[in-house]
PDB file of N, CA and C in Angstrom:
ATOM      1  N   UNK A   1       7.060 -12.568  -4.553  1.00  0.00           N
ATOM      2  CA  UNK A   1       6.159 -10.891  -4.913  1.00  0.00           C
ATOM      3  C   UNK A   1       7.215 -10.343  -3.999  1.00  0.00           C
ATOM      4  N   UNK A   2       7.937 -10.503  -3.724  1.00  0.00           N
ATOM      5  CA  UNK A   2       8.998  -9.210  -2.992  1.00  0.00           C
ATOM      6  C   UNK A   2       9.868  -8.749  -4.128  1.00  0.00           C
ATOM      7  N   UNK A   3       9.794  -9.488  -5.579  1.00  0.00           N
ATOM      8  CA  UNK A   3      10.701  -8.994  -6.281  1.00  0.00           C
ATOM      9  C   UNK A   3       9.885  -7.585  -7.120  1.00  0.00           C
ATOM     10  N   UNK A   4       8.778  -7.651  -6.927  1.00  0.00           N
ATOM     11  CA  UNK A   4       7.885  -6.502  -7.645  1.00  0.00           C
ATOM     12  C   UNK A   4       8.278  -5.623  -6.669  1.00  0.00           C
ATOM     13  N   UNK A   5       8.324  -4.231  -7.027  1.00  0.00           N
ATOM     14  CA  UNK A   5       8.749  -2.781  -6.201  1.00  0.00           C
ATOM     15  C   UNK A   5       6.999  -2.218  -5.998  1.00  0.00           C
ATOM     16  N   UNK A   6       6.136  -2.537  -7.248  1.00  0.00           N
ATOM     17  CA  UNK A   6       4.789  -2.144  -7.198  1.00  0.00           C
ATOM     18  C   UNK A   6       4.445  -2.845  -6.179  1.00  0.00           C
ATOM     19  N   UNK A   7       4.493  -4.530  -6.039  1.00  0.00           N
ATOM     20  CA  UNK A   7       3.923  -4.959  -4.863  1.00  0.00           C
ATOM     21  C   UNK A   7       4.269  -4.784  -3.308  1.00  0.00           C
ATOM     22  N   UNK A   8       5.623  -4.377  -2.975  1.00  0.00           N
ATOM     23  CA  UNK A   8       5.715  -3.824  -2.153  1.00  0.00           C
ATOM     24  C   UNK A   8       5.383  -2.664  -1.908  1.00  0.00           C
ATOM     25  N   UNK A   9       5.185  -1.744  -2.278  1.00  0.00           N
ATOM     26  CA  UNK A   9       4.754  -0.432  -2.262  1.00  0.00           C
ATOM     27  C   UNK A   9       3.191  -0.202  -1.787  1.00  0.00           C
ATOM     28  N   UNK A  10       2.442  -1.254  -2.712  1.00  0.00           N
ATOM     29  CA  UNK A  10       0.922  -1.492  -2.205  1.00  0.00           C
ATOM     30  C   UNK A  10       1.025  -2.359  -0.800  1.00  0.00           C
ATOM     31  N   UNK A  11       1.739  -3.121  -0.585  1.00  0.00           N
ATOM     32  CA  UNK A  11       1.750  -3.960   0.691  1.00  0.00           C
ATOM     33  C   UNK A  11       1.740  -2.653   1.721  1.00  0.00           C
ATOM     34  N   UNK A  12       3.083  -1.867   1.965  1.00  0.00           N
ATOM     35  CA  UNK A  12       3.232  -0.630   2.474  1.00  0.00           C
ATOM     36  C   UNK A  12       2.177   0.267   2.973  1.00  0.00           C
ATOM     37  N   UNK A  13       1.939   0.469   1.399  1.00  0.00           N
ATOM     38  CA  UNK A  13       0.350   1.393   1.467  1.00  0.00           C
ATOM     39  C   UNK A  13      -0.489   1.215   2.498  1.00  0.00           C
ATOM     40  N   UNK A  14      -1.332  -0.494   1.912  1.00  0.00           N
ATOM     41  CA  UNK A  14      -2.012  -0.939   2.441  1.00  0.00           C
ATOM     42  C   UNK A  14      -2.535  -1.036   3.965  1.00  0.00           C
ATOM     43  N   UNK A  15      -1.096  -1.533   4.516  1.00  0.00           N
ATOM     44  CA  UNK A  15      -0.649  -2.089   5.797  1.00  0.00           C
ATOM     45  C   UNK A  15       0.072  -0.967   6.547  1.00  0.00           C
ATOM     46  N   UNK A  16       0.271   0.640   5.862  1.00  0.00           N
ATOM     47  CA  UNK A  16       0.581   1.086   6.871  1.00  0.00           C
ATOM     48  C   UNK A  16       2.432   1.060   7.655  1.00  0.00           C
ATOM     49  N   UNK A  17       2.903   0.023   6.666  1.00  0.00           N
ATOM     50  CA  UNK A  17       3.572  -0.311   7.320  1.00  0.00           C
ATOM     51  C   UNK A  17       5.212  -0.469   6.646  1.00  0.00           C
ATOM     52  N   UNK A  18       6.162  -0.373   6.599  1.00  0.00           N
ATOM     53  CA  UNK A  18       7.679  -0.322   5.971  1.00  0.00           C
ATOM     54  C   UNK A  18       8.071  -2.071   5.636  1.00  0.00           C
ATOM     55  N   UNK A  19       8.143  -2.274   4.437  1.00  0.00           N
ATOM     56  CA  UNK A  19       8.718  -3.276   3.804  1.00  0.00           C
ATOM     57  C   UNK A  19       9.850  -3.304   3.650  1.00  0.00           C
ATOM     58  N   UNK A  20      10.774  -4.335   4.199  1.00  0.00           N
ATOM     59  CA  UNK A  20      12.199  -4.371   3.906  1.00  0.00           C
ATOM     60  C   UNK A  20      12.288  -6.031   3.196  1.00  0.00           C
ATOM     61  N   UNK A  21      13.163  -6.040   2.429  1.00  0.00           N
ATOM     62  CA  UNK A  21      13.719  -7.239   1.493  1.00  0.00           C
ATOM     63  C   UNK A  21      14.929  -7.739   2.277  1.00  0.00           C
ATOM     64  N   UNK A  22      15.034  -8.646   2.680  1.00  0.00           N
ATOM     65  CA  UNK A  22      16.644  -9.681   3.109  1.00  0.00           C
ATOM     66  C   UNK A  22      17.279  -9.751   2.166  1.00  0.00           C
ATOM     67  N   UNK A  23      18.764  -9.444   1.633  1.00  0.00           N
ATOM     68  CA  UNK A  23      19.528  -9.654   1.043  1.00  0.00           C
ATOM     69  C   UNK A  23      19.685 -11.301   0.513  1.00  0.00           C
ATOM     70  N   UNK A  24      19.571 -11.912   1.372  1.00  0.00           N
ATOM     71  CA  UNK A  24      19.307 -13.626   1.245  1.00  0.00           C
ATOM     72  C   UNK A  24      18.060 -13.667   0.440  1.00  0.00           C
ATOM     73  N   UNK A  25      18.296 -14.155  -0.508  1.00  0.00           N
ATOM     74  CA  UNK A  25      16.942 -14.491  -1.469  1.00  0.00           C
ATOM     75  C   UNK A  25      16.257 -15.863  -1.308  1.00  0.00           C
ATOM     76  N   UNK A  26      16.920 -16.935  -0.968  1.00  0.00           N
ATOM     77  CA  UNK A  26      16.043 -18.091  -0.209  1.00  0.00           C
ATOM     78  C   UNK A  26      15.730 -17.636   1.267  1.00  0.00           C
ATOM     79  N   UNK A  27      14.319 -17.255   1.284  1.00  0.00           N
ATOM     80  CA  UNK A  27      13.672 -17.099   2.512  1.00  0.00           C
ATOM     81  C   UNK A  27      13.502 -18.450   3.251  1.00  0.00           C
ATOM     82  N   UNK A  28      12.791 -19.599   2.738  1.00  0.00           N
ATOM     83  CA  UNK A  28      12.465 -20.638   3.220  1.00  0.00           C
ATOM     84  C   UNK A  28      13.614 -21.126   3.928  1.00  0.00           C
ATOM     85  N   UNK A  29      14.571 -21.768   3.284  1.00  0.00           N
ATOM     86  CA  UNK A  29      15.801 -22.359   3.882  1.00  0.00           C
ATOM     87  C   UNK A  29      16.867 -21.608   4.819  1.00  0.00           C
ATOM     88  N   UNK A  30      16.671 -20.332   4.406  1.00  0.00           N
ATOM     89  CA  UNK A  30      17.691 -19.344   5.605  1.00  0.00           C
ATOM     90  C   UNK A  30      16.780 -19.226   6.988  1.00  0.00           C
ATOM     91  N   UNK A  31      15.356 -19.203   6.620  1.00  0.00           N
ATOM     92  CA  UNK A  31      14.749 -19.225   7.918  1.00  0.00           C
ATOM     93  C   UNK A  31      14.570 -20.275   8.771  1.00  0.00           C
ATOM     94  N   UNK A  32      14.822 -21.594   8.046  1.00  0.00           N
ATOM     95  CA  UNK A  32      15.026 -22.940   9.111  1.00  0.00           C
ATOM     96  C   UNK A  32      16.473 -22.564   9.219  1.00  0.00           C
ATOM     97  N   UNK A  33      17.832 -22.298   8.836  1.00  0.00           N
ATOM     98  CA  UNK A  33      18.564 -22.460   9.156  1.00  0.00           C
ATOM     99  C   UNK A  33      19.024 -21.210  10.644  1.00  0.00           C
ATOM    100  N   UNK A  34      18.212 -20.322  10.675  1.00  0.00           N
ATOM    101  CA  UNK A  34      18.058 -19.334  11.756  1.00  0.00           C
ATOM    102  C   UNK A  34      17.447 -20.036  12.975  1.00  0.00           C
ATOM    103  N   UNK A  35      16.478 -20.508  12.315  1.00  0.00           N
ATOM    104  CA  UNK A  35      15.465 -21.310  13.406  1.00  0.00           C
ATOM    105  C   UNK A  35      16.726 -22.285  14.443  1.00  0.00           C
ATOM    106  N   UNK A  36      17.060 -23.325  13.294  1.00  0.00           N
ATOM    107  CA  UNK A  36      17.904 -24.329  13.719  1.00  0.00           C
ATOM    108  C   UNK A  36      19.269 -23.589  14.719  1.00  0.00           C
ATOM    109  N   UNK A  37      19.689 -22.751  14.300  1.00  0.00           N
ATOM    110  CA  UNK A  37      20.824 -21.909  15.125  1.00  0.00           C
ATOM    111  C   UNK A  37      20.479 -21.586  15.964  1.00  0.00           C
ATOM    112  N   UNK A  38      19.007 -20.636  16.254  1.00  0.00           N
ATOM    113  CA  UNK A  38      18.333 -20.788  17.377  1.00  0.00           C
ATOM    114  C   UNK A  38      18.142 -21.600  18.617  1.00  0.00           C
ATOM    115  N   UNK A  39      17.937 -22.879  18.153  1.00  0.00           N
ATOM    116  CA  UNK A  39      17.383 -23.968  18.720  1.00  0.00           C
ATOM    117  C   UNK A  39      18.827 -24.575  19.476  1.00  0.00           C
ATOM    118  N   UNK A  40      19.534 -24.573  18.745  1.00  0.00           N
ATOM    119  CA  UNK A  40      20.885 -25.383  19.272  1.00  0.00           C
ATOM    120  C   UNK A  40      21.514 -24.477  20.436  1.00  0.00           C
ATOM    121  N   UNK A  41      21.205 -23.333  19.961  1.00  0.00           N
ATOM    122  CA  UNK A  41      21.797 -22.240  21.103  1.00  0.00           C
ATOM    123  C   UNK A  41      20.980 -22.343  22.363  1.00  0.00           C
ATOM    124  N   UNK A  42      19.680 -22.247  22.197  1.00  0.00           N
ATOM    125  CA  UNK A  42      18.830 -22.863  23.547  1.00  0.00           C
ATOM    126  C   UNK A  42      19.118 -24.203  24.043  1.00  0.00           C
ATOM    127  N   UNK A  43      19.290 -25.180  23.342  1.00  0.00           N
ATOM    128  CA  UNK A  43      20.002 -26.381  23.970  1.00  0.00           C
ATOM    129  C   UNK A  43      21.069 -26.252  24.659  1.00  0.00           C
ATOM    130  N   UNK A  44      22.213 -25.437  24.413  1.00  0.00           N
ATOM    131  CA  UNK A  44      23.149 -24.793  24.977  1.00  0.00           C
ATOM    132  C   UNK A  44      23.258 -24.220  26.337  1.00  0.00           C
ATOM    133  N   UNK A  45      21.804 -23.637  26.632  1.00  0.00           N
ATOM    134  CA  UNK A  45      21.815 -22.856  27.627  1.00  0.00           C
ATOM    135  C   UNK A  45      21.403 -21.276  27.244  1.00  0.00           C
ATOM    136  N   UNK A  46      21.717 -21.121  25.984  1.00  0.00           N
ATOM    137  CA  UNK A  46      22.040 -19.543  25.633  1.00  0.00           C
ATOM    138  C   UNK A  46      20.216 -19.088  25.555  1.00  0.00           C
ATOM    139  N   UNK A  47      19.450 -18.574  26.353  1.00  0.00           N
ATOM    140  CA  UNK A  47      18.556 -17.807  26.082  1.00  0.00           C
ATOM    141  C   UNK A  47      18.105 -16.267  25.429  1.00  0.00           C
ATOM    142  N   UNK A  48      18.792 -16.299  24.594  1.00  0.00           N
ATOM    143  CA  UNK A  48      18.747 -15.019  23.559  1.00  0.00           C
ATOM    144  C   UNK A  48      17.642 -15.472  22.708  1.00  0.00           C
ATOM    145  N   UNK A  49      16.988 -14.395  22.383  1.00  0.00           N
ATOM    146  CA  UNK A  49      15.686 -14.665  21.798  1.00  0.00           C
ATOM    147  C   UNK A  49      16.050 -14.823  20.437  1.00  0.00           C
ATOM    148  N   UNK A  50      15.151 -15.166  19.586  1.00  0.00           N
ATOM    149  CA  UNK A  50      15.354 -15.546  18.150  1.00  0.00           C
ATOM    150  C   UNK A  50      15.358 -14.125  17.346  1.00  0.00           C
ATOM    151  N   UNK A  51      14.881 -13.021  17.905  1.00  0.00           N
ATOM    152  CA  UNK A  51      14.975 -11.733  17.071  1.00  0.00           C
ATOM    153  C   UNK A  51      16.401 -11.351  17.440  1.00  0.00           C
ATOM    154  N   UNK A  52      17.303 -11.717  18.459  1.00  0.00           N
ATOM    155  CA  UNK A  52      18.464 -11.561  18.241  1.00  0.00           C
ATOM    156  C   UNK A  52      19.122 -12.042  17.412  1.00  0.00           C
ATOM    157  N   UNK A  53      19.143 -13.540  17.181  1.00  0.00           N
ATOM    158  CA  UNK A  53      19.922 -14.078  16.067  1.00  0.00           C
ATOM    159  C   UNK A  53      19.403 -13.620  14.657  1.00  0.00           C
ATOM    160  N   UNK A  54      18.192 -13.136  14.535  1.00  0.00           N
ATOM    161  CA  UNK A  54      17.643 -12.311  12.912  1.00  0.00           C
ATOM    162  C   UNK A  54      18.665 -11.251  12.901  1.00  0.00           C
ATOM    163  N   UNK A  55      18.847 -10.408  14.418  1.00  0.00           N
ATOM    164  CA  UNK A  55      19.377  -9.385  14.187  1.00  0.00           C
ATOM    165  C   UNK A  55      21.026  -9.683  13.672  1.00  0.00           C
ATOM    166  N   UNK A  56      21.420 -10.782  14.172  1.00  0.00           N
ATOM    167  CA  UNK A  56      22.993 -10.825  13.959  1.00  0.00           C
ATOM    168  C   UNK A  56      23.201 -11.182  12.381  1.00  0.00           C
ATOM    169  N   UNK A  57      22.193 -11.841  11.571  1.00  0.00           N
ATOM    170  CA  UNK A  57      22.595 -12.585  10.395  1.00  0.00           C
ATOM    171  C   UNK A  57      21.610 -12.228   9.491  1.00  0.00           C
ATOM    172  N   UNK A  58      20.664 -11.265   9.550  1.00  0.00           N
ATOM    173  CA  UNK A  58      19.572 -10.725   8.523  1.00  0.00           C
ATOM    174  C   UNK A  58      19.823  -9.479   8.040  1.00  0.00           C
ATOM    175  N   UNK A  59      20.292  -9.138   6.968  1.00  0.00           N
ATOM    176  CA  UNK A  59      20.539  -8.080   6.394  1.00  0.00           C
ATOM    177  C   UNK A  59      19.384  -7.302   5.400  1.00  0.00           C
ATOM    178  N   UNK A  60      19.208  -6.384   5.339  1.00  0.00           N
ATOM    179  CA  UNK A  60      18.169  -6.333   4.419  1.00  0.00           C
ATOM    180  C   UNK A  60      18.702  -4.988   3.515  1.00  0.00           C
ATOM    181  N   UNK A  61      17.986  -4.970   2.136  1.00  0.00           N
ATOM    182  CA  UNK A  61      18.656  -4.398   1.113  1.00  0.00           C
ATOM    183  C   UNK A  61      17.747  -3.010   1.048  1.00  0.00           C
ATOM    184  N   UNK A  62      18.217  -1.633   1.701  1.00  0.00           N
ATOM    185  CA  UNK A  62      17.829  -0.671   1.680  1.00  0.00           C
ATOM    186  C   UNK A  62      16.823  -0.022   0.172  1.00  0.00           C
ATOM    187  N   UNK A  63      17.708  -0.456  -0.802  1.00  0.00           N
ATOM    188  CA  UNK A  63      17.331  -0.033  -2.098  1.00  0.00           C
ATOM    189  C   UNK A  63      15.740  -0.942  -2.648  1.00  0.00           C
ATOM    190  N   UNK A  64      15.713  -1.767  -1.888  1.00  0.00           N
ATOM    191  CA  UNK A  64      14.555  -2.753  -1.921  1.00  0.00           C
ATOM    192  C   UNK A  64      13.330  -2.573  -0.883  1.00  0.00           C
ATOM    193  N   UNK A  65      13.411  -1.359  -0.446  1.00  0.00           N
ATOM    194  CA  UNK A  65      12.695  -1.374   0.692  1.00  0.00           C
ATOM    195  C   UNK A  65      11.436  -0.219   0.409  1.00  0.00           C
ATOM    196  N   UNK A  66      10.467  -0.440   0.925  1.00  0.00           N
ATOM    197  CA  UNK A  66       8.953   0.526   0.459  1.00  0.00           C
ATOM    198  C   UNK A  66       8.866   1.201   1.875  1.00  0.00           C
ATOM    199  N   UNK A  67       8.112   2.180   1.907  1.00  0.00           N
ATOM    200  CA  UNK A  67       8.002   3.017   2.778  1.00  0.00           C
ATOM    201  C   UNK A  67       6.280   3.530   2.657  1.00  0.00           C
ATOM    202  N   UNK A  68       5.541   3.295   3.717  1.00  0.00           N
ATOM    203  CA  UNK A  68       4.193   3.848   3.126  1.00  0.00           C
ATOM    204  C   UNK A  68       3.840   5.324   2.826  1.00  0.00           C
ATOM    205  N   UNK A  69       3.409   5.412   1.973  1.00  0.00           N
ATOM    206  CA  UNK A  69       2.859   6.548   1.362  1.00  0.00           C
ATOM    207  C   UNK A  69       1.412   7.111   2.307  1.00  0.00           C
ATOM    208  N   UNK A  70       1.218   8.326   3.137  1.00  0.00           N
ATOM    209  CA  UNK A  70       0.432   8.519   3.789  1.00  0.00           C
ATOM    210  C   UNK A  70      -0.779   8.533   3.316  1.00  0.00           C
ATOM    211  N   UNK A  71      -0.584   9.191   1.844  1.00  0.00           N
ATOM    212  CA  UNK A  71      -1.938   9.206   1.082  1.00  0.00           C
ATOM    213  C   UNK A  71      -2.622   8.817   0.761  1.00  0.00           C
ATOM    214  N   UNK A  72      -2.082   7.640  -0.119  1.00  0.00           N
ATOM    215  CA  UNK A  72      -2.205   6.362  -0.549  1.00  0.00           C
ATOM    216  C   UNK A  72      -2.680   5.008   0.707  1.00  0.00           C
ATOM    217  N   UNK A  73      -1.998   5.227   1.386  1.00  0.00           N
ATOM    218  CA  UNK A  73      -2.828   4.587   3.182  1.00  0.00           C
ATOM    219  C   UNK A  73      -3.898   4.839   3.396  1.00  0.00           C
ATOM    220  N   UNK A  74      -4.189   6.411   3.397  1.00  0.00           N
ATOM    221  CA  UNK A  74      -5.430   6.712   3.810  1.00  0.00           C
ATOM    222  C   UNK A  74      -6.758   6.271   2.702  1.00  0.00           C
ATOM    223  N   UNK A  75      -6.275   6.575   1.156  1.00  0.00           N
ATOM    224  CA  UNK A  75      -6.924   5.645   0.273  1.00  0.00           C
ATOM    225  C   UNK A  75      -7.583   4.611   0.736  1.00  0.00           C
ATOM    226  N   UNK A  76      -6.599   3.684   0.958  1.00  0.00           N
ATOM    227  CA  UNK A  76      -6.714   2.204   1.093  1.00  0.00           C
ATOM    228  C   UNK A  76      -7.692   1.833   2.585  1.00  0.00           C
ATOM    229  N   UNK A  77      -7.248   2.769   3.265  1.00  0.00           N
ATOM    230  CA  UNK A  77      -8.003   2.243   4.848  1.00  0.00           C
ATOM    231  C   UNK A  77      -9.510   1.994   4.539  1.00  0.00           C
ATOM    232  N   UNK A  78     -10.530   2.353   4.148  1.00  0.00           N
ATOM    233  CA  UNK A  78     -11.454   2.366   4.247  1.00  0.00           C
ATOM    234  C   UNK A  78     -11.895   0.811   3.478  1.00  0.00           C
ATOM    235  N   UNK A  79     -11.214   0.912   2.598  1.00  0.00           N
ATOM    236  CA  UNK A  79     -11.705  -0.752   1.723  1.00  0.00           C
ATOM    237  C   UNK A  79     -10.828  -1.546   2.563  1.00  0.00           C
ATOM    238  N   UNK A  80      -9.514  -1.532   3.487  1.00  0.00           N
ATOM    239  CA  UNK A  80      -8.909  -2.717   4.008  1.00  0.00           C
ATOM    240  C   UNK A  80     -10.073  -2.773   5.411  1.00  0.00           C
ATOM    241  N   UNK A  81     -10.680  -1.551   5.849  1.00  0.00           N
ATOM    242  CA  UNK A  81     -11.638  -1.860   6.991  1.00  0.00           C
ATOM    243  C   UNK A  81     -12.551  -2.726   6.655  1.00  0.00           C
ATOM    244  N   UNK A  82     -13.509  -2.795   5.814  1.00  0.00           N
ATOM    245  CA  UNK A  82     -14.480  -3.034   5.257  1.00  0.00           C
ATOM    246  C   UNK A  82     -13.912  -4.846   4.806  1.00  0.00           C
ATOM    247  N   UNK A  83     -13.230  -5.094   4.153  1.00  0.00           N
ATOM    248  CA  UNK A  83     -12.383  -6.627   3.946  1.00  0.00           C
ATOM    249  C   UNK A  83     -12.130  -7.105   5.309  1.00  0.00           C
ATOM    250  N   UNK A  84     -11.833  -6.220   6.269  1.00  0.00           N
ATOM    251  CA  UNK A  84     -11.644  -7.079   7.599  1.00  0.00           C
ATOM    252  C   UNK A  84     -13.020  -7.350   7.999  1.00  0.00           C
ATOM    253  N   UNK A  85     -14.001  -6.668   8.001  1.00  0.00           N
ATOM    254  CA  UNK A  85     -15.443  -6.826   8.373  1.00  0.00           C
ATOM    255  C   UNK A  85     -15.616  -8.030   7.977  1.00  0.00           C
ATOM    256  N   UNK A  86     -15.755  -8.258   6.535  1.00  0.00           N
ATOM    257  CA  UNK A  86     -16.117  -9.307   5.805  1.00  0.00           C
ATOM    258  C   UNK A  86     -15.291 -10.379   6.565  1.00  0.00           C
ATOM    259  N   UNK A  87     -14.157 -10.283   6.405  1.00  0.00           N
ATOM    260  CA  UNK A  87     -13.346 -11.770   6.932  1.00  0.00           C
ATOM    261  C   UNK A  87     -13.726 -12.105   8.166  1.00  0.00           C
ATOM    262  N   UNK A  88     -14.249 -11.034   9.121  1.00  0.00           N
ATOM    263  CA  UNK A  88     -14.501 -11.612  10.413  1.00  0.00           C
ATOM    264  C   UNK A  88     -15.599 -12.248  10.232  1.00  0.00           C
ATOM    265  N   UNK A  89     -16.973 -11.517   9.523  1.00  0.00           N
ATOM    266  CA  UNK A  89     -18.117 -12.292   9.449  1.00  0.00           C
ATOM    267  C   UNK A  89     -18.186 -13.826   8.693  1.00  0.00           C
ATOM    268  N   UNK A  90     -17.319 -14.219   7.731  1.00  0.00           N
ATOM    269  CA  UNK A  90     -17.006 -15.385   7.319  1.00  0.00           C
ATOM    270  C   UNK A  90     -16.163 -16.268   8.260  1.00  0.00           C
ATOM    271  N   UNK A  91     -15.248 -15.947   8.951  1.00  0.00           N
ATOM    272  CA  UNK A  91     -14.427 -16.807   9.809  1.00  0.00           C
ATOM    273  C   UNK A  91     -15.106 -17.712  10.158  1.00  0.00           C
ATOM    274  N   UNK A  92     -15.902 -17.821  10.910  1.00  0.00           N
ATOM    275  CA  UNK A  92     -16.886 -18.941  12.038  1.00  0.00           C
ATOM    276  C   UNK A  92     -17.241 -19.742  10.902  1.00  0.00           C
ATOM    277  N   UNK A  93     -17.758 -19.318   9.468  1.00  0.00           N
ATOM    278  CA  UNK A  93     -18.206 -20.359   8.773  1.00  0.00           C
ATOM    279  C   UNK A  93     -16.870 -21.419   8.564  1.00  0.00           C
ATOM    280  N   UNK A  94     -15.775 -21.044   8.427  1.00  0.00           N
ATOM    281  CA  UNK A  94     -14.201 -21.840   7.927  1.00  0.00           C
ATOM    282  C   UNK A  94     -14.183 -22.557   9.160  1.00  0.00           C
ATOM    283  N   UNK A  95     -14.624 -22.272  10.348  1.00  0.00           N
ATOM    284  CA  UNK A  95     -14.549 -23.170  11.587  1.00  0.00           C
ATOM    285  C   UNK A  95     -15.559 -24.419  11.658  1.00  0.00           C
ATOM    286  N   UNK A  96     -16.536 -24.619  10.785  1.00  0.00           N
ATOM    287  CA  UNK A  96     -17.793 -25.035  11.325  1.00  0.00           C
ATOM    288  C   UNK A  96     -17.473 -26.340  10.538  1.00  0.00           C
TER     289      UNK A  96
END
């Protein structure tokens, strides 16, 4: 989905948060490699949080970034709030 500029913009607008796309296209394998790098560091006494490991090794492509549009975010706010209420209402049914 990150290949779609329209989808990135929609996500940014609905959640009111910026969306950044890593330069590294293979997310799952790259994420696993970052986690392994962090775990090796921890096993060797390095207490750095994984956020430091990712800050060193993950680059984003600014051309693919999307920033929320306040007007569209406001338009989505009511529907998203309604969705969250419905989700909260049905969540207990999923646990049973």
